[in-house]
Amino acid sequence: MGDPQLFDGKPVLQFSTETNRRSFLKYAGLVGVGASLVAGGVFSAPYAAANAPAVAKGDLDILNYALTLEYLESDFYAMGVSSGFLSGRDLDLITPISDHEKAHVTALTSTIKSLGSTPVTKPKITYPSGTFASKDSFLKTASVFEELGVKAYHGQVPLIQSGDVLGAAASIAGVESRHAAIIASLIGGNPFPHHIEEHVDMATVLAAVKPLLS
């Protein structure tokens, strides 16, 4: 039995340009995390052409891939905090995680701009029915989310060439690992399941998500 799928393997991201969609899928394939989140086609957004990022390679593409995942995480946690079903210790711990994800979006956006490129625009996000139906469904999804997030950042490490970019990614990866441990503790899971972080097998992931991509 494989690892649980985020959003039950249903695509939730719809990009404003085909270039953004293909770039994200490229790095999702290399890292082995995130391809199943992508819906077919693009949505029409005001000024999409003007805001579309310049064609970038290597590290900039990796940063935009990470930014897309952070857009989703930030939105997901904001929805959870505003849902009203969190209280007490759950709310006390989830609220700073939500704040962290917003800060990650800001940090990645700033880094991309400082490197002379344009950050990818936030995709349209559509969650499966039931994602925010209860505290339990939210926390279960959050746990899968954080484990995938940690693997995503670790998967980027061998692909990054710039020391500055590697430093930025490593800084965020450390925080994501803390998030994963906190969520695991809230749902009675194992906060540190591996002595060394596992990497996702790309061939296995791509085989699983292929039917979901158009």
N, C-alpha and C. Protein backbone atom coordinates (compact mmCIF):
# COMPACT_ATOMS: atom_id res chain seq x y z
N MET A 1 0.85 -1.20 0.00
CA MET A 1 0.00 0.00 0.00
C MET A 1 0.87 1.23 0.00
N GLY A 2 0.66 2.17 -0.93
CA GLY A 2 1.51 3.32 -1.07
C GLY A 2 1.16 4.43 -0.09
N ASP A 3 1.91 5.51 -0.14
CA ASP A 3 1.66 6.66 0.71
C ASP A 3 0.32 7.29 0.34
N PRO A 4 -0.37 7.93 1.31
CA PRO A 4 -1.64 8.60 1.00
C PRO A 4 -1.43 9.74 0.02
N GLN A 5 -2.41 9.95 -0.86
CA GLN A 5 -2.30 10.98 -1.88
C GLN A 5 -2.90 12.29 -1.38
N LEU A 6 -2.27 13.39 -1.73
CA LEU A 6 -2.78 14.71 -1.39
C LEU A 6 -4.04 14.98 -2.19
N PHE A 7 -5.10 15.41 -1.52
CA PHE A 7 -6.40 15.68 -2.15
C PHE A 7 -6.91 14.47 -2.92
N ASP A 8 -6.60 13.27 -2.43
CA ASP A 8 -7.04 12.01 -3.05
C ASP A 8 -6.60 11.89 -4.51
N GLY A 9 -5.47 12.52 -4.84
CA GLY A 9 -4.94 12.44 -6.20
C GLY A 9 -5.67 13.31 -7.20
N LYS A 10 -6.54 14.21 -6.71
CA LYS A 10 -7.31 15.05 -7.63
C LYS A 10 -6.54 16.34 -7.94
N PRO A 11 -6.55 16.80 -9.20
CA PRO A 11 -5.85 18.04 -9.55
C PRO A 11 -6.55 19.25 -8.97
N VAL A 12 -5.78 20.18 -8.41
CA VAL A 12 -6.36 21.37 -7.78
C VAL A 12 -5.81 22.67 -8.34
N LEU A 13 -4.72 22.61 -9.10
CA LEU A 13 -4.08 23.82 -9.62
C LEU A 13 -4.40 24.03 -11.09
N GLN A 14 -4.79 25.26 -11.44
CA GLN A 14 -5.01 25.61 -12.84
C GLN A 14 -4.23 26.89 -13.13
N PHE A 15 -3.32 26.83 -14.07
CA PHE A 15 -2.41 27.94 -14.34
C PHE A 15 -2.97 28.93 -15.34
N SER A 16 -2.44 30.16 -15.27
CA SER A 16 -2.92 31.21 -16.17
C SER A 16 -2.27 31.15 -17.54
N THR A 17 -1.13 30.45 -17.66
CA THR A 17 -0.48 30.29 -18.95
C THR A 17 0.02 28.86 -19.10
N GLU A 18 0.08 28.39 -20.33
CA GLU A 18 0.57 27.04 -20.59
C GLU A 18 2.05 26.93 -20.26
N THR A 19 2.79 28.03 -20.42
CA THR A 19 4.21 28.04 -20.08
C THR A 19 4.41 27.75 -18.60
N ASN A 20 3.61 28.40 -17.75
CA ASN A 20 3.71 28.17 -16.31
C ASN A 20 3.37 26.72 -15.97
N ARG A 21 2.35 26.20 -16.61
CA ARG A 21 1.91 24.83 -16.35
C ARG A 21 3.00 23.83 -16.71
N ARG A 22 3.58 23.99 -17.90
CA ARG A 22 4.61 23.06 -18.35
C ARG A 22 5.87 23.15 -17.50
N SER A 23 6.23 24.36 -17.10
CA SER A 23 7.42 24.54 -16.28
C SER A 23 7.24 23.85 -14.93
N PHE A 24 6.06 24.01 -14.32
CA PHE A 24 5.81 23.36 -13.03
C PHE A 24 5.86 21.84 -13.18
N LEU A 25 5.21 21.32 -14.23
CA LEU A 25 5.18 19.87 -14.44
C LEU A 25 6.58 19.32 -14.67
N LYS A 26 7.42 20.09 -15.35
CA LYS A 26 8.80 19.64 -15.60
C LYS A 26 9.51 19.37 -14.29
N TYR A 27 9.45 20.31 -13.36
CA TYR A 27 10.17 20.13 -12.10
C TYR A 27 9.44 19.22 -11.14
N ALA A 28 8.12 19.14 -11.26
CA ALA A 28 7.39 18.16 -10.47
C ALA A 28 7.83 16.76 -10.88
N GLY A 29 8.09 16.56 -12.18
CA GLY A 29 8.56 15.27 -12.66
C GLY A 29 9.97 14.96 -12.20
N LEU A 30 10.85 15.95 -12.25
CA LEU A 30 12.23 15.73 -11.83
C LEU A 30 12.33 15.43 -10.35
N VAL A 31 11.55 16.15 -9.55
CA VAL A 31 11.59 15.98 -8.11
C VAL A 31 10.71 14.83 -7.66
N GLY A 32 9.63 14.57 -8.41
CA GLY A 32 8.72 13.51 -8.04
C GLY A 32 7.61 13.95 -7.12
N VAL A 33 7.35 15.25 -7.03
CA VAL A 33 6.31 15.77 -6.14
C VAL A 33 5.53 16.86 -6.84
N GLY A 34 4.20 16.71 -6.88
CA GLY A 34 3.34 17.81 -7.31
C GLY A 34 2.65 17.66 -8.63
N ALA A 35 3.04 16.70 -9.46
CA ALA A 35 2.44 16.59 -10.79
C ALA A 35 0.95 16.30 -10.73
N SER A 36 0.53 15.51 -9.75
CA SER A 36 -0.89 15.15 -9.66
C SER A 36 -1.77 16.32 -9.26
N LEU A 37 -1.17 17.44 -8.83
CA LEU A 37 -1.96 18.59 -8.41
C LEU A 37 -2.45 19.43 -9.58
N VAL A 38 -1.92 19.17 -10.78
CA VAL A 38 -2.15 20.06 -11.91
C VAL A 38 -3.34 19.63 -12.75
N ALA A 39 -4.26 20.57 -12.97
CA ALA A 39 -5.41 20.33 -13.83
C ALA A 39 -5.04 20.64 -15.27
N GLY A 40 -5.81 20.11 -16.21
CA GLY A 40 -5.56 20.38 -17.62
C GLY A 40 -5.96 21.79 -18.00
N GLY A 41 -5.27 22.35 -18.96
CA GLY A 41 -5.64 23.66 -19.49
C GLY A 41 -5.23 24.81 -18.60
N VAL A 42 -5.64 26.02 -19.02
CA VAL A 42 -5.31 27.23 -18.29
C VAL A 42 -6.59 28.03 -18.08
N PHE A 43 -6.54 28.98 -17.14
CA PHE A 43 -7.68 29.86 -16.95
C PHE A 43 -7.33 31.24 -17.48
N SER A 44 -8.33 32.00 -17.83
CA SER A 44 -8.10 33.33 -18.38
C SER A 44 -8.02 34.32 -17.23
N ALA A 45 -6.84 34.93 -17.07
CA ALA A 45 -6.65 35.88 -15.99
C ALA A 45 -6.31 37.25 -16.56
N PRO A 46 -6.82 38.33 -15.95
CA PRO A 46 -6.49 39.67 -16.42
C PRO A 46 -4.98 39.89 -16.40
N TYR A 47 -4.46 40.45 -17.47
CA TYR A 47 -3.03 40.78 -17.57
C TYR A 47 -2.13 39.56 -17.47
N ALA A 48 -2.64 38.38 -17.77
CA ALA A 48 -1.83 37.17 -17.66
C ALA A 48 -0.60 37.25 -18.54
N ALA A 49 -0.75 37.75 -19.74
CA ALA A 49 0.39 37.83 -20.65
C ALA A 49 1.45 38.78 -20.13
N ALA A 50 1.01 39.92 -19.58
CA ALA A 50 1.96 40.90 -19.08
C ALA A 50 2.70 40.39 -17.85
N ASN A 51 2.02 39.57 -17.04
CA ASN A 51 2.63 39.09 -15.81
C ASN A 51 3.33 37.76 -15.96
N ALA A 52 3.24 37.14 -17.13
CA ALA A 52 3.87 35.85 -17.32
C ALA A 52 5.38 35.97 -17.14
N PRO A 53 6.02 35.02 -16.42
CA PRO A 53 7.45 35.13 -16.17
C PRO A 53 8.27 34.94 -17.44
N ALA A 54 9.41 35.60 -17.45
CA ALA A 54 10.33 35.41 -18.56
C ALA A 54 10.79 33.96 -18.56
N VAL A 55 11.15 33.47 -19.73
CA VAL A 55 11.60 32.09 -19.82
C VAL A 55 12.89 31.97 -19.00
N ALA A 56 12.84 31.13 -18.00
CA ALA A 56 13.98 30.97 -17.10
C ALA A 56 14.39 29.51 -17.06
N LYS A 57 15.65 29.27 -16.75
CA LYS A 57 16.17 27.91 -16.67
C LYS A 57 16.74 27.64 -15.29
N GLY A 58 16.99 26.39 -15.04
CA GLY A 58 17.73 26.00 -13.84
C GLY A 58 17.13 26.48 -12.54
N ASP A 59 17.93 27.22 -11.80
CA ASP A 59 17.55 27.61 -10.46
C ASP A 59 16.29 28.46 -10.41
N LEU A 60 16.11 29.34 -11.36
CA LEU A 60 14.91 30.18 -11.37
C LEU A 60 13.66 29.36 -11.57
N ASP A 61 13.74 28.35 -12.42
CA ASP A 61 12.59 27.47 -12.63
C ASP A 61 12.28 26.69 -11.34
N ILE A 62 13.33 26.27 -10.64
CA ILE A 62 13.14 25.54 -9.39
C ILE A 62 12.47 26.44 -8.35
N LEU A 63 12.90 27.71 -8.29
CA LEU A 63 12.30 28.64 -7.35
C LEU A 63 10.83 28.88 -7.66
N ASN A 64 10.50 28.99 -8.94
CA ASN A 64 9.10 29.18 -9.32
C ASN A 64 8.26 27.93 -9.05
N TYR A 65 8.87 26.76 -9.21
CA TYR A 65 8.20 25.50 -8.85
C TYR A 65 7.88 25.50 -7.35
N ALA A 66 8.88 25.87 -6.54
CA ALA A 66 8.67 25.93 -5.09
C ALA A 66 7.63 26.99 -4.73
N LEU A 67 7.66 28.13 -5.42
CA LEU A 67 6.70 29.20 -5.14
C LEU A 67 5.27 28.72 -5.42
N THR A 68 5.07 27.95 -6.47
CA THR A 68 3.74 27.44 -6.78
C THR A 68 3.23 26.55 -5.66
N LEU A 69 4.09 25.67 -5.14
CA LEU A 69 3.69 24.83 -4.03
C LEU A 69 3.39 25.66 -2.78
N GLU A 70 4.17 26.72 -2.58
CA GLU A 70 3.94 27.58 -1.41
C GLU A 70 2.65 28.38 -1.56
N TYR A 71 2.31 28.80 -2.78
CA TYR A 71 1.01 29.44 -3.00
C TYR A 71 -0.11 28.53 -2.50
N LEU A 72 -0.01 27.25 -2.86
CA LEU A 72 -1.04 26.29 -2.49
C LEU A 72 -1.05 26.06 -0.98
N GLU A 73 0.11 25.90 -0.38
CA GLU A 73 0.17 25.69 1.07
C GLU A 73 -0.38 26.89 1.83
N SER A 74 0.02 28.09 1.40
CA SER A 74 -0.44 29.31 2.06
C SER A 74 -1.95 29.43 1.99
N ASP A 75 -2.51 29.16 0.82
CA ASP A 75 -3.96 29.24 0.64
C ASP A 75 -4.66 28.18 1.47
N PHE A 76 -4.12 26.97 1.47
CA PHE A 76 -4.71 25.86 2.21
C PHE A 76 -4.80 26.16 3.70
N TYR A 77 -3.70 26.64 4.29
CA TYR A 77 -3.71 26.91 5.72
C TYR A 77 -4.56 28.13 6.07
N ALA A 78 -4.59 29.13 5.21
CA ALA A 78 -5.46 30.28 5.45
C ALA A 78 -6.92 29.85 5.50
N MET A 79 -7.29 28.94 4.59
CA MET A 79 -8.65 28.41 4.59
C MET A 79 -8.94 27.63 5.87
N GLY A 80 -7.97 26.85 6.32
CA GLY A 80 -8.15 26.07 7.53
C GLY A 80 -8.32 26.94 8.76
N VAL A 81 -7.48 27.98 8.88
CA VAL A 81 -7.55 28.87 10.04
C VAL A 81 -8.88 29.62 10.07
N SER A 82 -9.37 30.01 8.89
CA SER A 82 -10.61 30.80 8.83
C SER A 82 -11.87 29.93 8.88
N SER A 83 -11.70 28.62 8.89
CA SER A 83 -12.85 27.71 8.82
C SER A 83 -13.69 27.69 10.10
N GLY A 84 -13.04 27.94 11.23
CA GLY A 84 -13.76 27.96 12.49
C GLY A 84 -13.77 26.65 13.25
N PHE A 85 -13.24 25.56 12.65
CA PHE A 85 -13.26 24.29 13.37
C PHE A 85 -11.99 24.04 14.19
N LEU A 86 -11.04 24.93 14.13
CA LEU A 86 -9.83 24.79 14.94
C LEU A 86 -9.96 25.63 16.21
N SER A 87 -9.47 25.08 17.31
CA SER A 87 -9.51 25.82 18.57
C SER A 87 -8.40 25.31 19.49
N GLY A 88 -8.18 26.00 20.57
CA GLY A 88 -7.19 25.57 21.56
C GLY A 88 -5.80 25.36 20.99
N ARG A 89 -5.18 24.26 21.37
CA ARG A 89 -3.81 23.97 20.95
C ARG A 89 -3.72 23.81 19.43
N ASP A 90 -4.74 23.21 18.82
CA ASP A 90 -4.73 23.05 17.36
C ASP A 90 -4.60 24.40 16.68
N LEU A 91 -5.41 25.36 17.10
CA LEU A 91 -5.38 26.69 16.50
C LEU A 91 -4.07 27.40 16.82
N ASP A 92 -3.58 27.21 18.06
CA ASP A 92 -2.33 27.86 18.47
C ASP A 92 -1.15 27.39 17.62
N LEU A 93 -1.18 26.15 17.15
CA LEU A 93 -0.07 25.61 16.36
C LEU A 93 -0.26 25.81 14.86
N ILE A 94 -1.51 25.74 14.40
CA ILE A 94 -1.76 25.88 12.97
C ILE A 94 -1.62 27.33 12.51
N THR A 95 -2.00 28.28 13.36
CA THR A 95 -1.92 29.70 12.98
C THR A 95 -0.51 30.12 12.60
N PRO A 96 0.53 29.80 13.40
CA PRO A 96 1.88 30.17 12.98
C PRO A 96 2.34 29.44 11.72
N ILE A 97 1.86 28.20 11.52
CA ILE A 97 2.20 27.51 10.28
C ILE A 97 1.64 28.28 9.10
N SER A 98 0.40 28.74 9.23
CA SER A 98 -0.22 29.55 8.17
C SER A 98 0.60 30.81 7.91
N ASP A 99 1.05 31.45 9.00
CA ASP A 99 1.88 32.66 8.85
C ASP A 99 3.21 32.34 8.17
N HIS A 100 3.79 31.19 8.50
CA HIS A 100 5.05 30.78 7.88
C HIS A 100 4.90 30.61 6.38
N GLU A 101 3.79 29.97 5.97
CA GLU A 101 3.60 29.72 4.53
C GLU A 101 3.44 31.03 3.76
N LYS A 102 2.76 31.99 4.36
CA LYS A 102 2.65 33.31 3.73
C LYS A 102 4.04 33.95 3.60
N ALA A 103 4.84 33.78 4.65
CA ALA A 103 6.20 34.34 4.62
C ALA A 103 7.06 33.64 3.58
N HIS A 104 6.84 32.35 3.37
CA HIS A 104 7.59 31.62 2.34
C HIS A 104 7.27 32.16 0.95
N VAL A 105 6.00 32.46 0.72
CA VAL A 105 5.61 33.06 -0.56
C VAL A 105 6.35 34.38 -0.76
N THR A 106 6.36 35.20 0.29
CA THR A 106 7.04 36.49 0.21
C THR A 106 8.54 36.33 -0.02
N ALA A 107 9.15 35.38 0.70
CA ALA A 107 10.60 35.18 0.58
C ALA A 107 10.98 34.68 -0.81
N LEU A 108 10.24 33.72 -1.34
CA LEU A 108 10.54 33.20 -2.67
C LEU A 108 10.30 34.24 -3.75
N THR A 109 9.22 34.99 -3.60
CA THR A 109 8.92 36.06 -4.55
C THR A 109 10.06 37.09 -4.58
N SER A 110 10.52 37.47 -3.39
CA SER A 110 11.60 38.44 -3.28
C SER A 110 12.90 37.90 -3.87
N THR A 111 13.20 36.62 -3.62
CA THR A 111 14.42 36.00 -4.14
C THR A 111 14.40 35.97 -5.66
N ILE A 112 13.27 35.58 -6.24
CA ILE A 112 13.16 35.52 -7.70
C ILE A 112 13.34 36.89 -8.32
N LYS A 113 12.74 37.90 -7.71
CA LYS A 113 12.88 39.27 -8.22
C LYS A 113 14.31 39.75 -8.10
N SER A 114 14.98 39.41 -6.97
CA SER A 114 16.36 39.85 -6.76
C SER A 114 17.32 39.23 -7.77
N LEU A 115 16.91 38.08 -8.34
CA LEU A 115 17.73 37.41 -9.34
C LEU A 115 17.39 37.87 -10.76
N GLY A 116 16.56 38.91 -10.84
CA GLY A 116 16.26 39.51 -12.13
C GLY A 116 15.17 38.83 -12.93
N SER A 117 14.35 37.99 -12.28
CA SER A 117 13.29 37.30 -12.99
C SER A 117 11.93 37.71 -12.42
N THR A 118 10.87 37.19 -13.02
CA THR A 118 9.51 37.51 -12.60
C THR A 118 8.87 36.29 -11.94
N PRO A 119 8.37 36.43 -10.73
CA PRO A 119 7.73 35.28 -10.06
C PRO A 119 6.52 34.78 -10.83
N VAL A 120 6.31 33.48 -10.82
CA VAL A 120 5.15 32.90 -11.45
C VAL A 120 3.89 33.42 -10.76
N THR A 121 2.82 33.64 -11.52
CA THR A 121 1.58 34.12 -10.93
C THR A 121 0.89 32.99 -10.17
N LYS A 122 0.11 33.35 -9.19
CA LYS A 122 -0.60 32.35 -8.38
C LYS A 122 -1.63 31.64 -9.24
N PRO A 123 -1.62 30.31 -9.23
CA PRO A 123 -2.61 29.57 -10.03
C PRO A 123 -3.98 29.61 -9.37
N LYS A 124 -4.99 29.26 -10.14
CA LYS A 124 -6.33 29.11 -9.60
C LYS A 124 -6.37 27.80 -8.82
N ILE A 125 -6.95 27.83 -7.62
CA ILE A 125 -6.96 26.66 -6.75
C ILE A 125 -8.40 26.22 -6.49
N THR A 126 -8.69 24.96 -6.77
CA THR A 126 -10.02 24.40 -6.53
C THR A 126 -9.87 23.13 -5.71
N TYR A 127 -10.35 23.15 -4.48
CA TYR A 127 -10.18 22.00 -3.59
C TYR A 127 -11.29 20.97 -3.78
N PRO A 128 -10.98 19.68 -3.61
CA PRO A 128 -12.02 18.65 -3.67
C PRO A 128 -13.04 18.86 -2.56
N SER A 129 -14.26 18.44 -2.79
CA SER A 129 -15.30 18.53 -1.78
C SER A 129 -14.89 17.75 -0.54
N GLY A 130 -15.07 18.33 0.61
CA GLY A 130 -14.76 17.65 1.86
C GLY A 130 -13.41 17.99 2.45
N THR A 131 -12.57 18.74 1.71
CA THR A 131 -11.24 19.08 2.22
C THR A 131 -11.33 19.83 3.54
N PHE A 132 -12.29 20.74 3.64
CA PHE A 132 -12.45 21.54 4.86
C PHE A 132 -13.77 21.21 5.57
N ALA A 133 -14.19 19.97 5.45
CA ALA A 133 -15.46 19.55 6.06
C ALA A 133 -15.36 19.44 7.57
N SER A 134 -14.16 19.16 8.08
CA SER A 134 -13.99 18.99 9.52
C SER A 134 -12.53 19.19 9.89
N LYS A 135 -12.29 19.27 11.18
CA LYS A 135 -10.90 19.40 11.66
C LYS A 135 -10.10 18.17 11.25
N ASP A 136 -10.70 16.99 11.38
CA ASP A 136 -9.99 15.75 11.06
C ASP A 136 -9.59 15.68 9.59
N SER A 137 -10.50 16.05 8.68
CA SER A 137 -10.19 15.99 7.25
C SER A 137 -9.11 17.01 6.90
N PHE A 138 -9.17 18.18 7.53
CA PHE A 138 -8.16 19.22 7.29
C PHE A 138 -6.79 18.78 7.77
N LEU A 139 -6.71 18.27 9.01
CA LEU A 139 -5.41 17.87 9.56
C LEU A 139 -4.83 16.67 8.82
N LYS A 140 -5.68 15.75 8.39
CA LYS A 140 -5.20 14.60 7.63
C LYS A 140 -4.57 15.07 6.32
N THR A 141 -5.24 16.01 5.64
CA THR A 141 -4.69 16.56 4.40
C THR A 141 -3.41 17.33 4.67
N ALA A 142 -3.40 18.09 5.78
CA ALA A 142 -2.22 18.86 6.14
C ALA A 142 -1.01 17.96 6.36
N SER A 143 -1.23 16.80 6.96
CA SER A 143 -0.13 15.87 7.21
C SER A 143 0.47 15.37 5.90
N VAL A 144 -0.40 14.98 4.96
CA VAL A 144 0.09 14.52 3.65
C VAL A 144 0.82 15.67 2.96
N PHE A 145 0.23 16.87 3.06
CA PHE A 145 0.79 18.06 2.44
C PHE A 145 2.21 18.32 2.92
N GLU A 146 2.41 18.30 4.23
CA GLU A 146 3.72 18.63 4.78
C GLU A 146 4.76 17.57 4.44
N GLU A 147 4.38 16.30 4.46
CA GLU A 147 5.34 15.26 4.10
C GLU A 147 5.79 15.42 2.65
N LEU A 148 4.84 15.75 1.76
CA LEU A 148 5.20 15.98 0.37
C LEU A 148 6.06 17.23 0.21
N GLY A 149 5.75 18.25 1.01
CA GLY A 149 6.53 19.48 0.94
C GLY A 149 7.99 19.26 1.31
N VAL A 150 8.21 18.49 2.35
CA VAL A 150 9.58 18.18 2.77
C VAL A 150 10.32 17.43 1.66
N LYS A 151 9.64 16.45 1.06
CA LYS A 151 10.26 15.67 -0.01
C LYS A 151 10.54 16.55 -1.23
N ALA A 152 9.64 17.50 -1.48
CA ALA A 152 9.83 18.39 -2.62
C ALA A 152 11.10 19.21 -2.48
N TYR A 153 11.30 19.79 -1.29
CA TYR A 153 12.50 20.62 -1.09
C TYR A 153 13.77 19.76 -1.10
N HIS A 154 13.72 18.59 -0.49
CA HIS A 154 14.89 17.73 -0.50
C HIS A 154 15.18 17.23 -1.93
N GLY A 155 14.14 17.05 -2.71
CA GLY A 155 14.35 16.62 -4.08
C GLY A 155 15.01 17.66 -4.95
N GLN A 156 14.89 18.93 -4.56
CA GLN A 156 15.49 20.01 -5.34
C GLN A 156 16.98 20.15 -5.09
N VAL A 157 17.44 19.71 -3.93
CA VAL A 157 18.83 19.94 -3.52
C VAL A 157 19.85 19.56 -4.59
N PRO A 158 19.79 18.36 -5.17
CA PRO A 158 20.81 18.01 -6.16
C PRO A 158 20.66 18.75 -7.48
N LEU A 159 19.55 19.48 -7.66
CA LEU A 159 19.32 20.19 -8.92
C LEU A 159 19.77 21.64 -8.87
N ILE A 160 19.97 22.18 -7.66
CA ILE A 160 20.30 23.59 -7.49
C ILE A 160 21.81 23.81 -7.64
N GLN A 161 22.17 24.84 -8.41
CA GLN A 161 23.58 25.14 -8.66
C GLN A 161 24.07 26.34 -7.86
N SER A 162 23.24 27.34 -7.67
CA SER A 162 23.63 28.55 -6.95
C SER A 162 23.65 28.32 -5.45
N GLY A 163 24.70 28.75 -4.80
CA GLY A 163 24.78 28.63 -3.35
C GLY A 163 23.72 29.47 -2.66
N ASP A 164 23.44 30.66 -3.19
CA ASP A 164 22.42 31.53 -2.60
C ASP A 164 21.03 30.89 -2.69
N VAL A 165 20.73 30.31 -3.84
CA VAL A 165 19.43 29.67 -4.02
C VAL A 165 19.32 28.44 -3.13
N LEU A 166 20.41 27.66 -3.03
CA LEU A 166 20.42 26.49 -2.17
C LEU A 166 20.18 26.89 -0.72
N GLY A 167 20.79 27.98 -0.30
CA GLY A 167 20.60 28.47 1.07
C GLY A 167 19.16 28.84 1.34
N ALA A 168 18.52 29.51 0.38
CA ALA A 168 17.12 29.91 0.54
C ALA A 168 16.22 28.68 0.63
N ALA A 169 16.46 27.70 -0.24
CA ALA A 169 15.64 26.48 -0.23
C ALA A 169 15.85 25.69 1.04
N ALA A 170 17.10 25.59 1.50
CA ALA A 170 17.40 24.83 2.71
C ALA A 170 16.75 25.47 3.93
N SER A 171 16.73 26.80 3.97
CA SER A 171 16.12 27.51 5.10
C SER A 171 14.64 27.19 5.21
N ILE A 172 13.95 27.15 4.07
CA ILE A 172 12.52 26.85 4.07
C ILE A 172 12.30 25.37 4.36
N ALA A 173 13.15 24.51 3.81
CA ALA A 173 13.00 23.06 4.02
C ALA A 173 13.03 22.70 5.50
N GLY A 174 13.90 23.37 6.25
CA GLY A 174 13.98 23.10 7.68
C GLY A 174 12.69 23.41 8.40
N VAL A 175 12.07 24.53 8.03
CA VAL A 175 10.80 24.92 8.64
C VAL A 175 9.69 23.95 8.25
N GLU A 176 9.69 23.52 6.98
CA GLU A 176 8.66 22.57 6.54
C GLU A 176 8.77 21.25 7.31
N SER A 177 9.98 20.83 7.63
CA SER A 177 10.16 19.61 8.41
C SER A 177 9.56 19.77 9.81
N ARG A 178 9.71 20.95 10.39
CA ARG A 178 9.11 21.21 11.70
C ARG A 178 7.59 21.17 11.61
N HIS A 179 7.06 21.74 10.52
CA HIS A 179 5.61 21.71 10.31
C HIS A 179 5.10 20.27 10.25
N ALA A 180 5.80 19.44 9.50
CA ALA A 180 5.40 18.04 9.35
C ALA A 180 5.36 17.33 10.70
N ALA A 181 6.35 17.61 11.55
CA ALA A 181 6.41 16.98 12.86
C ALA A 181 5.25 17.45 13.74
N ILE A 182 4.92 18.74 13.67
CA ILE A 182 3.83 19.28 14.48
C ILE A 182 2.50 18.67 14.07
N ILE A 183 2.24 18.63 12.77
CA ILE A 183 0.98 18.07 12.28
C ILE A 183 0.87 16.59 12.66
N ALA A 184 1.97 15.87 12.53
CA ALA A 184 1.97 14.45 12.89
C ALA A 184 1.60 14.26 14.36
N SER A 185 2.13 15.13 15.22
CA SER A 185 1.84 15.01 16.64
C SER A 185 0.37 15.31 16.94
N LEU A 186 -0.24 16.21 16.16
CA LEU A 186 -1.64 16.58 16.38
C LEU A 186 -2.59 15.46 15.99
N ILE A 187 -2.20 14.63 15.02
CA ILE A 187 -3.09 13.55 14.58
C ILE A 187 -2.67 12.19 15.13
N GLY A 188 -1.70 12.19 16.05
CA GLY A 188 -1.26 10.94 16.64
C GLY A 188 -0.34 10.13 15.76
N GLY A 189 0.31 10.80 14.81
CA GLY A 189 1.23 10.12 13.91
C GLY A 189 2.66 10.15 14.43
N ASN A 190 3.60 9.72 13.60
CA ASN A 190 5.01 9.70 13.95
C ASN A 190 5.66 11.00 13.49
N PRO A 191 6.12 11.87 14.40
CA PRO A 191 6.70 13.15 14.01
C PRO A 191 8.05 13.05 13.33
N PHE A 192 8.72 11.90 13.46
CA PHE A 192 10.02 11.70 12.79
C PHE A 192 10.10 10.27 12.28
N PRO A 193 9.43 9.98 11.16
CA PRO A 193 9.32 8.61 10.65
C PRO A 193 10.60 8.03 10.07
N HIS A 194 11.58 8.86 9.68
CA HIS A 194 12.80 8.35 9.05
C HIS A 194 14.03 9.02 9.65
N HIS A 195 15.11 8.26 9.78
CA HIS A 195 16.35 8.87 10.28
C HIS A 195 17.03 9.70 9.19
N ILE A 196 16.72 9.40 7.95
CA ILE A 196 17.17 10.20 6.80
C ILE A 196 15.95 10.41 5.92
N GLU A 197 15.73 11.65 5.48
CA GLU A 197 14.55 11.94 4.67
C GLU A 197 14.58 11.13 3.37
N GLU A 198 13.44 10.51 3.07
CA GLU A 198 13.35 9.72 1.85
C GLU A 198 13.08 10.60 0.64
N HIS A 199 13.57 10.16 -0.51
CA HIS A 199 13.29 10.83 -1.78
C HIS A 199 12.21 10.04 -2.51
N VAL A 200 11.33 10.76 -3.17
CA VAL A 200 10.25 10.11 -3.90
C VAL A 200 10.81 9.48 -5.17
N ASP A 201 10.42 8.25 -5.44
CA ASP A 201 10.82 7.58 -6.67
C ASP A 201 10.05 8.18 -7.84
N MET A 202 10.77 8.83 -8.76
CA MET A 202 10.12 9.57 -9.84
C MET A 202 9.28 8.67 -10.73
N ALA A 203 9.81 7.51 -11.11
CA ALA A 203 9.08 6.62 -12.02
C ALA A 203 7.76 6.16 -11.40
N THR A 204 7.80 5.86 -10.11
CA THR A 204 6.58 5.42 -9.43
C THR A 204 5.54 6.52 -9.37
N VAL A 205 5.98 7.74 -9.03
CA VAL A 205 5.06 8.87 -8.93
C VAL A 205 4.46 9.19 -10.27
N LEU A 206 5.29 9.25 -11.32
CA LEU A 206 4.78 9.61 -12.64
C LEU A 206 3.78 8.57 -13.14
N ALA A 207 4.03 7.30 -12.86
CA ALA A 207 3.10 6.25 -13.27
C ALA A 207 1.75 6.42 -12.57
N ALA A 208 1.79 6.85 -11.31
CA ALA A 208 0.56 7.02 -10.53
C ALA A 208 -0.25 8.22 -10.97
N VAL A 209 0.45 9.30 -11.36
CA VAL A 209 -0.28 10.54 -11.69
C VAL A 209 -0.62 10.68 -13.15
N LYS A 210 -0.06 9.85 -14.01
CA LYS A 210 -0.29 9.99 -15.45
C LYS A 210 -1.77 10.02 -15.81
N PRO A 211 -2.63 9.17 -15.23
CA PRO A 211 -4.05 9.21 -15.59
C PRO A 211 -4.75 10.52 -15.20
N LEU A 212 -4.13 11.30 -14.28
CA LEU A 212 -4.76 12.53 -13.82
C LEU A 212 -4.40 13.73 -14.68
N LEU A 213 -3.43 13.58 -15.57
CA LEU A 213 -2.95 14.70 -16.38
C LEU A 213 -3.57 14.67 -17.76
N SER A 214 -3.93 15.85 -18.25
CA SER A 214 -4.48 15.93 -19.59
C SER A 214 -3.51 16.58 -20.54
